[in-house]
PDB file of N, CA and C in Angstrom:
ATOM      1  N   MET A   1     185.335 104.683 138.786  1.00  0.00           N
ATOM      2  CA  MET A   1     186.470 105.107 139.613  1.00  0.00           C
ATOM      3  C   MET A   1     186.031 106.270 140.499  1.00  0.00           C
ATOM      4  N   TYR A   2     186.503 106.245 141.751  1.00  0.00           N
ATOM      5  CA  TYR A   2     186.165 107.303 142.692  1.00  0.00           C
ATOM      6  C   TYR A   2     186.988 108.555 142.411  1.00  0.00           C
ATOM      7  N   LYS A   3     186.390 109.698 142.710  1.00  0.00           N
ATOM      8  CA  LYS A   3     187.068 110.971 142.505  1.00  0.00           C
ATOM      9  C   LYS A   3     187.200 111.671 143.856  1.00  0.00           C
ATOM     10  N   THR A   4     188.369 111.534 144.499  1.00  0.00           N
ATOM     11  CA  THR A   4     188.609 112.151 145.797  1.00  0.00           C
ATOM     12  C   THR A   4     188.867 113.638 145.587  1.00  0.00           C
ATOM     13  N   MET A   5     188.145 114.478 146.342  1.00  0.00           N
ATOM     14  CA  MET A   5     188.314 115.927 146.195  1.00  0.00           C
ATOM     15  C   MET A   5     187.929 116.654 147.468  1.00  0.00           C
ATOM     16  N   PHE A   6     188.385 117.900 147.529  1.00  0.00           N
ATOM     17  CA  PHE A   6     188.030 118.814 148.602  1.00  0.00           C
ATOM     18  C   PHE A   6     187.117 119.897 148.053  1.00  0.00           C
ATOM     19  N   LYS A   7     186.186 120.334 148.894  1.00  0.00           N
ATOM     20  CA  LYS A   7     185.405 121.538 148.609  1.00  0.00           C
ATOM     21  C   LYS A   7     185.939 122.603 149.551  1.00  0.00           C
ATOM     22  N   CYS A   8     186.502 123.677 149.002  1.00  0.00           N
ATOM     23  CA  CYS A   8     187.109 124.745 149.796  1.00  0.00           C
ATOM     24  C   CYS A   8     186.293 126.026 149.655  1.00  0.00           C
ATOM     25  N   ASN A   9     185.788 126.510 150.772  1.00  0.00           N
ATOM     26  CA  ASN A   9     185.126 127.808 150.802  1.00  0.00           C
ATOM     27  C   ASN A   9     186.072 128.791 151.472  1.00  0.00           C
ATOM     28  N   ALA A  10     186.661 129.686 150.689  1.00  0.00           N
ATOM     29  CA  ALA A  10     187.556 130.697 151.250  1.00  0.00           C
ATOM     30  C   ALA A  10     186.732 131.725 152.019  1.00  0.00           C
ATOM     31  N   PHE A  11     187.333 132.281 153.062  1.00  0.00           N
ATOM     32  CA  PHE A  11     186.676 133.362 153.803  1.00  0.00           C
ATOM     33  C   PHE A  11     187.730 134.339 154.293  1.00  0.00           C
ATOM     34  N   GLN A  12     187.287 135.544 154.595  1.00  0.00           N
ATOM     35  CA  GLN A  12     188.132 136.583 155.163  1.00  0.00           C
ATOM     36  C   GLN A  12     187.464 137.097 156.430  1.00  0.00           C
ATOM     37  N   VAL A  13     188.276 137.527 157.382  1.00  0.00           N
ATOM     38  CA  VAL A  13     187.773 138.082 158.636  1.00  0.00           C
ATOM     39  C   VAL A  13     188.263 139.514 158.744  1.00  0.00           C
ATOM     40  N   ASP A  14     187.343 140.457 159.016  1.00  0.00           N
ATOM     41  CA  ASP A  14     187.759 141.850 159.166  1.00  0.00           C
ATOM     42  C   ASP A  14     188.021 142.182 160.634  1.00  0.00           C
ATOM     43  N   ALA A  15     188.465 143.401 160.901  1.00  0.00           N
ATOM     44  CA  ALA A  15     188.849 143.824 162.255  1.00  0.00           C
ATOM     45  C   ALA A  15     187.674 143.814 163.231  1.00  0.00           C
ATOM     46  N   ASP A  16     186.442 143.858 162.720  1.00  0.00           N
ATOM     47  CA  ASP A  16     185.259 143.794 163.585  1.00  0.00           C
ATOM     48  C   ASP A  16     184.814 142.356 163.835  1.00  0.00           C
ATOM     49  N   GLY A  17     185.541 141.381 163.246  1.00  0.00           N
ATOM     50  CA  GLY A  17     185.206 139.974 163.431  1.00  0.00           C
ATOM     51  C   GLY A  17     184.190 139.445 162.438  1.00  0.00           C
ATOM     52  N   ASN A  18     183.818 140.265 161.445  1.00  0.00           N
ATOM     53  CA  ASN A  18     182.852 139.820 160.441  1.00  0.00           C
ATOM     54  C   ASN A  18     183.521 138.882 159.434  1.00  0.00           C
ATOM     55  N   LEU A  19     182.803 137.837 159.060  1.00  0.00           N
ATOM     56  CA  LEU A  19     183.296 136.846 158.102  1.00  0.00           C
ATOM     57  C   LEU A  19     182.660 137.103 156.738  1.00  0.00           C
ATOM     58  N   THR A  20     183.474 137.140 155.683  1.00  0.00           N
ATOM     59  CA  THR A  20     182.973 137.253 154.312  1.00  0.00           C
ATOM     60  C   THR A  20     183.418 136.005 153.571  1.00  0.00           C
ATOM     61  N   LYS A  21     182.456 135.286 152.983  1.00  0.00           N
ATOM     62  CA  LYS A  21     182.753 134.024 152.315  1.00  0.00           C
ATOM     63  C   LYS A  21     182.740 134.179 150.800  1.00  0.00           C
ATOM     64  N   ASP A  22     183.621 133.431 150.138  1.00  0.00           N
ATOM     65  CA  ASP A  22     183.640 133.344 148.680  1.00  0.00           C
ATOM     66  C   ASP A  22     182.881 132.094 148.250  1.00  0.00           C
ATOM     67  N   ASP A  23     182.659 131.964 146.953  1.00  0.00           N
ATOM     68  CA  ASP A  23     182.023 130.770 146.413  1.00  0.00           C
ATOM     69  C   ASP A  23     182.960 129.573 146.578  1.00  0.00           C
ATOM     70  N   PRO A  24     182.394 128.355 146.701  1.00  0.00           N
ATOM     71  CA  PRO A  24     183.249 127.179 146.870  1.00  0.00           C
ATOM     72  C   PRO A  24     184.085 126.878 145.628  1.00  0.00           C
ATOM     73  N   VAL A  25     185.270 126.309 145.874  1.00  0.00           N
ATOM     74  CA  VAL A  25     186.173 125.858 144.825  1.00  0.00           C
ATOM     75  C   VAL A  25     186.409 124.375 145.077  1.00  0.00           C
ATOM     76  N   PHE A  26     186.373 123.568 144.022  1.00  0.00           N
ATOM     77  CA  PHE A  26     186.591 122.135 144.152  1.00  0.00           C
ATOM     78  C   PHE A  26     188.012 121.806 143.709  1.00  0.00           C
ATOM     79  N   VAL A  27     188.764 121.125 144.603  1.00  0.00           N
ATOM     80  CA  VAL A  27     190.181 120.870 144.394  1.00  0.00           C
ATOM     81  C   VAL A  27     190.429 119.359 144.444  1.00  0.00           C
ATOM     82  N   PRO A  28     191.164 118.808 143.459  1.00  0.00           N
ATOM     83  CA  PRO A  28     191.488 117.380 143.515  1.00  0.00           C
ATOM     84  C   PRO A  28     192.319 117.061 144.762  1.00  0.00           C
ATOM     85  N   ALA A  29     192.128 115.871 145.297  1.00  0.00           N
ATOM     86  CA  ALA A  29     192.861 115.434 146.485  1.00  0.00           C
ATOM     87  C   ALA A  29     193.524 114.089 146.208  1.00  0.00           C
ATOM     88  N   THR A  30     194.574 113.812 146.971  1.00  0.00           N
ATOM     89  CA  THR A  30     195.284 112.543 146.854  1.00  0.00           C
ATOM     90  C   THR A  30     195.088 111.759 148.141  1.00  0.00           C
ATOM     91  N   LEU A  31     194.582 110.555 148.021  1.00  0.00           N
ATOM     92  CA  LEU A  31     194.386 109.680 149.171  1.00  0.00           C
ATOM     93  C   LEU A  31     195.736 109.105 149.590  1.00  0.00           C
ATOM     94  N   ASP A  32     196.149 109.378 150.840  1.00  0.00           N
ATOM     95  CA  ASP A  32     197.434 108.888 151.348  1.00  0.00           C
ATOM     96  C   ASP A  32     197.241 107.612 152.161  1.00  0.00           C
ATOM     97  N   SER A  33     196.193 107.585 152.974  1.00  0.00           N
ATOM     98  CA  SER A  33     195.850 106.405 153.773  1.00  0.00           C
ATOM     99  C   SER A  33     194.356 106.480 154.057  1.00  0.00           C
ATOM    100  N   PHE A  34     193.850 105.513 154.800  1.00  0.00           N
ATOM    101  CA  PHE A  34     192.410 105.530 155.072  1.00  0.00           C
ATOM    102  C   PHE A  34     191.995 106.675 155.988  1.00  0.00           C
ATOM    103  N   ILE A  35     192.971 107.392 156.592  1.00  0.00           N
ATOM    104  CA  ILE A  35     192.637 108.532 157.465  1.00  0.00           C
ATOM    105  C   ILE A  35     193.267 109.842 157.022  1.00  0.00           C
ATOM    106  N   GLN A  36     193.940 109.841 155.874  1.00  0.00           N
ATOM    107  CA  GLN A  36     194.653 111.056 155.485  1.00  0.00           C
ATOM    108  C   GLN A  36     194.579 111.294 153.982  1.00  0.00           C
ATOM    109  N   VAL A  37     194.253 112.542 153.628  1.00  0.00           N
ATOM    110  CA  VAL A  37     194.266 112.975 152.230  1.00  0.00           C
ATOM    111  C   VAL A  37     195.041 114.277 152.128  1.00  0.00           C
ATOM    112  N   PHE A  38     195.559 114.558 150.942  1.00  0.00           N
ATOM    113  CA  PHE A  38     196.325 115.776 150.699  1.00  0.00           C
ATOM    114  C   PHE A  38     195.718 116.547 149.548  1.00  0.00           C
ATOM    115  N   CYS A  39     195.843 117.880 149.604  1.00  0.00           N
ATOM    116  CA  CYS A  39     195.464 118.724 148.473  1.00  0.00           C
ATOM    117  C   CYS A  39     196.240 120.033 148.567  1.00  0.00           C
ATOM    118  N   LEU A  40     196.321 120.724 147.460  1.00  0.00           N
ATOM    119  CA  LEU A  40     196.887 122.067 147.441  1.00  0.00           C
ATOM    120  C   LEU A  40     195.741 123.040 147.656  1.00  0.00           C
ATOM    121  N   LEU A  41     195.869 123.882 148.659  1.00  0.00           N
ATOM    122  CA  LEU A  41     194.826 124.871 148.911  1.00  0.00           C
ATOM    123  C   LEU A  41     194.885 125.949 147.843  1.00  0.00           C
ATOM    124  N   PRO A  42     193.728 126.494 147.491  1.00  0.00           N
ATOM    125  CA  PRO A  42     193.740 127.617 146.549  1.00  0.00           C
ATOM    126  C   PRO A  42     194.503 128.785 147.167  1.00  0.00           C
ATOM    127  N   LYS A  43     195.150 129.583 146.331  1.00  0.00           N
ATOM    128  CA  LYS A  43     195.858 130.757 146.832  1.00  0.00           C
ATOM    129  C   LYS A  43     194.852 131.793 147.294  1.00  0.00           C
ATOM    130  N   GLU A  44     195.285 132.604 148.284  1.00  0.00           N
ATOM    131  CA  GLU A  44     194.428 133.695 148.738  1.00  0.00           C
ATOM    132  C   GLU A  44     194.207 134.624 147.565  1.00  0.00           C
ATOM    133  N   ARG A  45     192.960 134.993 147.365  1.00  0.00           N
ATOM    134  CA  ARG A  45     192.649 135.872 146.242  1.00  0.00           C
ATOM    135  C   ARG A  45     193.171 137.266 146.509  1.00  0.00           C
ATOM    136  N   LYS A  46     193.961 137.799 145.598  1.00  0.00           N
ATOM    137  CA  LYS A  46     194.491 139.157 145.741  1.00  0.00           C
ATOM    138  C   LYS A  46     193.516 140.192 145.195  1.00  0.00           C
ATOM    139  N   THR A  47     192.742 139.794 144.199  1.00  0.00           N
ATOM    140  CA  THR A  47     191.737 140.711 143.648  1.00  0.00           C
ATOM    141  C   THR A  47     190.376 140.114 143.942  1.00  0.00           C
ATOM    142  N   ARG A  48     189.594 140.823 144.700  1.00  0.00           N
ATOM    143  CA  ARG A  48     188.265 140.364 145.063  1.00  0.00           C
ATOM    144  C   ARG A  48     187.234 141.262 144.399  1.00  0.00           C
ATOM    145  N   SER A  49     186.061 140.711 144.212  1.00  0.00           N
ATOM    146  CA  SER A  49     184.987 141.533 143.678  1.00  0.00           C
ATOM    147  C   SER A  49     184.657 142.613 144.703  1.00  0.00           C
ATOM    148  N   THR A  50     184.073 143.695 144.255  1.00  0.00           N
ATOM    149  CA  THR A  50     183.730 144.794 145.156  1.00  0.00           C
ATOM    150  C   THR A  50     182.800 144.328 146.259  1.00  0.00           C
ATOM    151  N   ALA A  51     181.894 143.405 145.935  1.00  0.00           N
ATOM    152  CA  ALA A  51     180.946 142.907 146.928  1.00  0.00           C
ATOM    153  C   ALA A  51     181.646 142.160 148.053  1.00  0.00           C
ATOM    154  N   ASN A  52     182.774 141.477 147.759  1.00  0.00           N
ATOM    155  CA  ASN A  52     183.461 140.680 148.770  1.00  0.00           C
ATOM    156  C   ASN A  52     184.725 141.344 149.312  1.00  0.00           C
ATOM    157  N   ALA A  53     185.027 142.566 148.906  1.00  0.00           N
ATOM    158  CA  ALA A  53     186.277 143.218 149.311  1.00  0.00           C
ATOM    159  C   ALA A  53     186.255 143.549 150.808  1.00  0.00           C
ATOM    160  N   ILE A  54     187.379 143.292 151.461  1.00  0.00           N
ATOM    161  CA  ILE A  54     187.540 143.647 152.870  1.00  0.00           C
ATOM    162  C   ILE A  54     188.821 144.468 152.983  1.00  0.00           C
ATOM    163  N   ASP A  55     188.670 145.735 153.378  1.00  0.00           N
ATOM    164  CA  ASP A  55     189.834 146.612 153.492  1.00  0.00           C
ATOM    165  C   ASP A  55     190.653 146.325 154.740  1.00  0.00           C
ATOM    166  N   ASP A  56     189.985 145.947 155.821  1.00  0.00           N
ATOM    167  CA  ASP A  56     190.684 145.745 157.086  1.00  0.00           C
ATOM    168  C   ASP A  56     190.758 144.265 157.462  1.00  0.00           C
ATOM    169  N   GLN A  57     191.143 143.416 156.497  1.00  0.00           N
ATOM    170  CA  GLN A  57     191.256 141.979 156.723  1.00  0.00           C
ATOM    171  C   GLN A  57     192.356 141.683 157.733  1.00  0.00           C
ATOM    172  N   ILE A  58     192.019 140.885 158.777  1.00  0.00           N
ATOM    173  CA  ILE A  58     193.019 140.506 159.773  1.00  0.00           C
ATOM    174  C   ILE A  58     193.330 139.010 159.721  1.00  0.00           C
ATOM    175  N   ALA A  59     192.494 138.233 159.025  1.00  0.00           N
ATOM    176  CA  ALA A  59     192.717 136.796 158.900  1.00  0.00           C
ATOM    177  C   ALA A  59     191.956 136.300 157.680  1.00  0.00           C
ATOM    178  N   TYR A  60     192.367 135.146 157.187  1.00  0.00           N
ATOM    179  CA  TYR A  60     191.623 134.487 156.124  1.00  0.00           C
ATOM    180  C   TYR A  60     191.764 132.988 156.311  1.00  0.00           C
ATOM    181  N   GLY A  61     190.974 132.238 155.598  1.00  0.00           N
ATOM    182  CA  GLY A  61     191.055 130.795 155.750  1.00  0.00           C
ATOM    183  C   GLY A  61     190.128 130.081 154.810  1.00  0.00           C
ATOM    184  N   PHE A  62     189.898 128.805 155.132  1.00  0.00           N
ATOM    185  CA  PHE A  62     189.075 127.940 154.295  1.00  0.00           C
ATOM    186  C   PHE A  62     188.219 127.039 155.165  1.00  0.00           C
ATOM    187  N   LYS A  63     186.964 126.877 154.774  1.00  0.00           N
ATOM    188  CA  LYS A  63     186.130 125.809 155.311  1.00  0.00           C
ATOM    189  C   LYS A  63     186.273 124.677 154.311  1.00  0.00           C
ATOM    190  N   ILE A  64     186.707 123.511 154.782  1.00  0.00           N
ATOM    191  CA  ILE A  64     187.060 122.406 153.897  1.00  0.00           C
ATOM    192  C   ILE A  64     186.230 121.170 154.213  1.00  0.00           C
ATOM    193  N   ALA A  65     185.723 120.539 153.160  1.00  0.00           N
ATOM    194  CA  ALA A  65     185.029 119.257 153.263  1.00  0.00           C
ATOM    195  C   ALA A  65     185.655 118.314 152.247  1.00  0.00           C
ATOM    196  N   VAL A  66     185.652 117.027 152.537  1.00  0.00           N
ATOM    197  CA  VAL A  66     186.276 116.040 151.652  1.00  0.00           C
ATOM    198  C   VAL A  66     185.220 115.061 151.127  1.00  0.00           C
ATOM    199  N   SER A  67     185.452 114.564 149.916  1.00  0.00           N
ATOM    200  CA  SER A  67     184.559 113.594 149.285  1.00  0.00           C
ATOM    201  C   SER A  67     185.383 112.499 148.632  1.00  0.00           C
ATOM    202  N   ASN A  68     184.879 111.278 148.670  1.00  0.00           N
ATOM    203  CA  ASN A  68     185.561 110.196 147.972  1.00  0.00           C
ATOM    204  C   ASN A  68     184.866 109.830 146.662  1.00  0.00           C
ATOM    205  N   ASN A  69     183.784 110.565 146.344  1.00  0.00           N
ATOM    206  CA  ASN A  69     183.080 110.296 145.086  1.00  0.00           C
ATOM    207  C   ASN A  69     182.729 111.564 144.302  1.00  0.00           C
ATOM    208  N   GLY A  70     183.095 112.726 144.815  1.00  0.00           N
ATOM    209  CA  GLY A  70     182.815 113.979 144.127  1.00  0.00           C
ATOM    210  C   GLY A  70     181.386 114.467 144.274  1.00  0.00           C
ATOM    211  N   LYS A  71     180.558 113.758 145.046  1.00  0.00           N
ATOM    212  CA  LYS A  71     179.154 114.137 145.196  1.00  0.00           C
ATOM    213  C   LYS A  71     178.768 114.387 146.649  1.00  0.00           C
ATOM    214  N   ALA A  72     179.025 113.418 147.519  1.00  0.00           N
ATOM    215  CA  ALA A  72     178.696 113.549 148.942  1.00  0.00           C
ATOM    216  C   ALA A  72     179.949 114.007 149.688  1.00  0.00           C
ATOM    217  N   PHE A  73     179.810 115.073 150.486  1.00  0.00           N
ATOM    218  CA  PHE A  73     180.957 115.652 151.192  1.00  0.00           C
ATOM    219  C   PHE A  73     180.786 115.509 152.699  1.00  0.00           C
ATOM    220  N   SER A  74     181.923 115.450 153.396  1.00  0.00           N
ATOM    221  CA  SER A  74     181.933 115.380 154.854  1.00  0.00           C
ATOM    222  C   SER A  74     181.473 116.707 155.446  1.00  0.00           C
ATOM    223  N   LYS A  75     181.286 116.699 156.757  1.00  0.00           N
ATOM    224  CA  LYS A  75     181.054 117.945 157.481  1.00  0.00           C
ATOM    225  C   LYS A  75     182.320 118.786 157.327  1.00  0.00           C
ATOM    226  N   ASP A  76     182.169 120.086 157.106  1.00  0.00           N
ATOM    227  CA  ASP A  76     183.368 120.908 156.889  1.00  0.00           C
ATOM    228  C   ASP A  76     184.092 121.232 158.194  1.00  0.00           C
ATOM    229  N   ASP A  77     185.370 121.540 158.054  1.00  0.00           N
ATOM    230  CA  ASP A  77     186.197 122.004 159.153  1.00  0.00           C
ATOM    231  C   ASP A  77     186.951 123.226 158.647  1.00  0.00           C
ATOM    232  N   SER A  78     187.509 124.009 159.547  1.00  0.00           N
ATOM    233  CA  SER A  78     188.121 125.283 159.157  1.00  0.00           C
ATOM    234  C   SER A  78     189.624 125.299 159.378  1.00  0.00           C
ATOM    235  N   ILE A  79     190.305 125.997 158.468  1.00  0.00           N
ATOM    236  CA  ILE A  79     191.716 126.334 158.601  1.00  0.00           C
ATOM    237  C   ILE A  79     191.765 127.855 158.567  1.00  0.00           C
ATOM    238  N   VAL A  80     192.407 128.474 159.576  1.00  0.00           N
ATOM    239  CA  VAL A  80     192.486 129.929 159.647  1.00  0.00           C
ATOM    240  C   VAL A  80     193.954 130.340 159.595  1.00  0.00           C
ATOM    241  N   ILE A  81     194.272 131.307 158.732  1.00  0.00           N
ATOM    242  CA  ILE A  81     195.634 131.820 158.586  1.00  0.00           C
ATOM    243  C   ILE A  81     195.649 133.254 159.113  1.00  0.00           C
ATOM    244  N   PHE A  82     196.552 133.515 160.083  1.00  0.00           N
ATOM    245  CA  PHE A  82     196.625 134.852 160.677  1.00  0.00           C
ATOM    246  C   PHE A  82     197.994 135.057 161.288  1.00  0.00           C
ATOM    247  N   ASP A  83     198.340 136.305 161.565  1.00  0.00           N
ATOM    248  CA  ASP A  83     199.606 136.664 162.199  1.00  0.00           C
ATOM    249  C   ASP A  83     199.372 136.710 163.706  1.00  0.00           C
ATOM    250  N   SER A  84     199.906 135.722 164.426  1.00  0.00           N
ATOM    251  CA  SER A  84     199.627 135.608 165.856  1.00  0.00           C
ATOM    252  C   SER A  84     200.281 136.699 166.702  1.00  0.00           C
ATOM    253  N   THR A  85     201.166 137.497 166.109  1.00  0.00           N
ATOM    254  CA  THR A  85     201.736 138.604 166.877  1.00  0.00           C
ATOM    255  C   THR A  85     200.749 139.754 167.027  1.00  0.00           C
ATOM    256  N   CYS A  86     199.749 139.831 166.135  1.00  0.00           N
ATOM    257  CA  CYS A  86     198.807 140.947 166.218  1.00  0.00           C
ATOM    258  C   CYS A  86     197.334 140.530 166.174  1.00  0.00           C
ATOM    259  N   VAL A  87     197.063 139.225 166.064  1.00  0.00           N
ATOM    260  CA  VAL A  87     195.674 138.751 165.980  1.00  0.00           C
ATOM    261  C   VAL A  87     195.518 137.480 166.806  1.00  0.00           C
ATOM    262  N   ASP A  88     194.376 137.357 167.497  1.00  0.00           N
ATOM    263  CA  ASP A  88     193.980 136.116 168.167  1.00  0.00           C
ATOM    264  C   ASP A  88     192.791 135.544 167.420  1.00  0.00           C
ATOM    265  N   CYS A  89     192.832 134.256 167.098  1.00  0.00           N
ATOM    266  CA  CYS A  89     191.708 133.577 166.453  1.00  0.00           C
ATOM    267  C   CYS A  89     191.402 132.301 167.219  1.00  0.00           C
ATOM    268  N   ALA A  90     190.121 131.980 167.304  1.00  0.00           N
ATOM    269  CA  ALA A  90     189.686 130.759 167.972  1.00  0.00           C
ATOM    270  C   ALA A  90     188.410 130.268 167.306  1.00  0.00           C
ATOM    271  N   LYS A  91     188.140 128.997 167.487  1.00  0.00           N
ATOM    272  CA  LYS A  91     186.895 128.407 166.995  1.00  0.00           C
ATOM    273  C   LYS A  91     186.024 128.142 168.210  1.00  0.00           C
ATOM    274  N   SER A  92     184.804 128.671 168.188  1.00  0.00           N
ATOM    275  CA  SER A  92     183.892 128.521 169.306  1.00  0.00           C
ATOM    276  C   SER A  92     182.519 128.143 168.788  1.00  0.00           C
ATOM    277  N   ASN A  93     182.027 126.985 169.185  1.00  0.00           N
ATOM    278  CA  ASN A  93     180.707 126.496 168.757  1.00  0.00           C
ATOM    279  C   ASN A  93     180.565 126.524 167.227  1.00  0.00           C
ATOM    280  N   GLY A  94     181.628 126.168 166.517  1.00  0.00           N
ATOM    281  CA  GLY A  94     181.583 126.109 165.057  1.00  0.00           C
ATOM    282  C   GLY A  94     181.821 127.427 164.368  1.00  0.00           C
ATOM    283  N   SER A  95     181.968 128.512 165.117  1.00  0.00           N
ATOM    284  CA  SER A  95     182.215 129.830 164.527  1.00  0.00           C
ATOM    285  C   SER A  95     183.684 130.216 164.705  1.00  0.00           C
ATOM    286  N   ILE A  96     184.205 130.958 163.725  1.00  0.00           N
ATOM    287  CA  ILE A  96     185.563 131.478 163.808  1.00  0.00           C
ATOM    288  C   ILE A  96     185.497 132.879 164.401  1.00  0.00           C
ATOM    289  N   ILE A  97     186.268 133.112 165.466  1.00  0.00           N
ATOM    290  CA  ILE A  97     186.278 134.407 166.128  1.00  0.00           C
ATOM    291  C   ILE A  97     187.715 134.929 166.110  1.00  0.00           C
ATOM    292  N   CYS A  98     187.928 136.059 165.458  1.00  0.00           N
ATOM    293  CA  CYS A  98     189.261 136.680 165.395  1.00  0.00           C
ATOM    294  C   CYS A  98     189.171 138.113 165.917  1.00  0.00           C
ATOM    295  N   THR A  99     190.158 138.474 166.713  1.00  0.00           N
ATOM    296  CA  THR A  99     190.226 139.842 167.226  1.00  0.00           C
ATOM    297  C   THR A  99     191.655 140.345 167.122  1.00  0.00           C
ATOM    298  N   ALA A 100     191.786 141.614 166.767  1.00  0.00           N
ATOM    299  CA  ALA A 100     193.101 142.238 166.700  1.00  0.00           C
ATOM    300  C   ALA A 100     193.593 142.504 168.112  1.00  0.00           C
ATOM    301  N   LYS A 101     194.881 142.217 168.363  1.00  0.00           N
ATOM    302  CA  LYS A 101     195.473 142.523 169.656  1.00  0.00           C
ATOM    303  C   LYS A 101     195.731 144.017 169.744  1.00  0.00           C
ATOM    304  N   VAL A 102     195.543 144.563 170.916  1.00  0.00           N
ATOM    305  CA  VAL A 102     195.742 146.011 171.105  1.00  0.00           C
ATOM    306  C   VAL A 102     197.079 146.278 171.724  1.00  0.00           C
TER     307      VAL A 102
END
């Protein structure tokens, strides 16, 4: 039996635009159709290790890849969560770029 799942790499973006990544988390997924799958994203971590702590975080998100067998994963894509009233985020050449609005 196939095991459909997502590989989620959480990341945070600081006010200088630096990205800090966490270790990947594997999340079960539900196949809805041949082009659509669903999963619950991991919650944003409230307590981070000192090595990964970001005091001036302006955005966070996930790099997500999907697998239909639990072994081979697709190319990842990004989901970025931010407050658009005070932050601009964009994806450029595969990189996430976030800047605080002045």
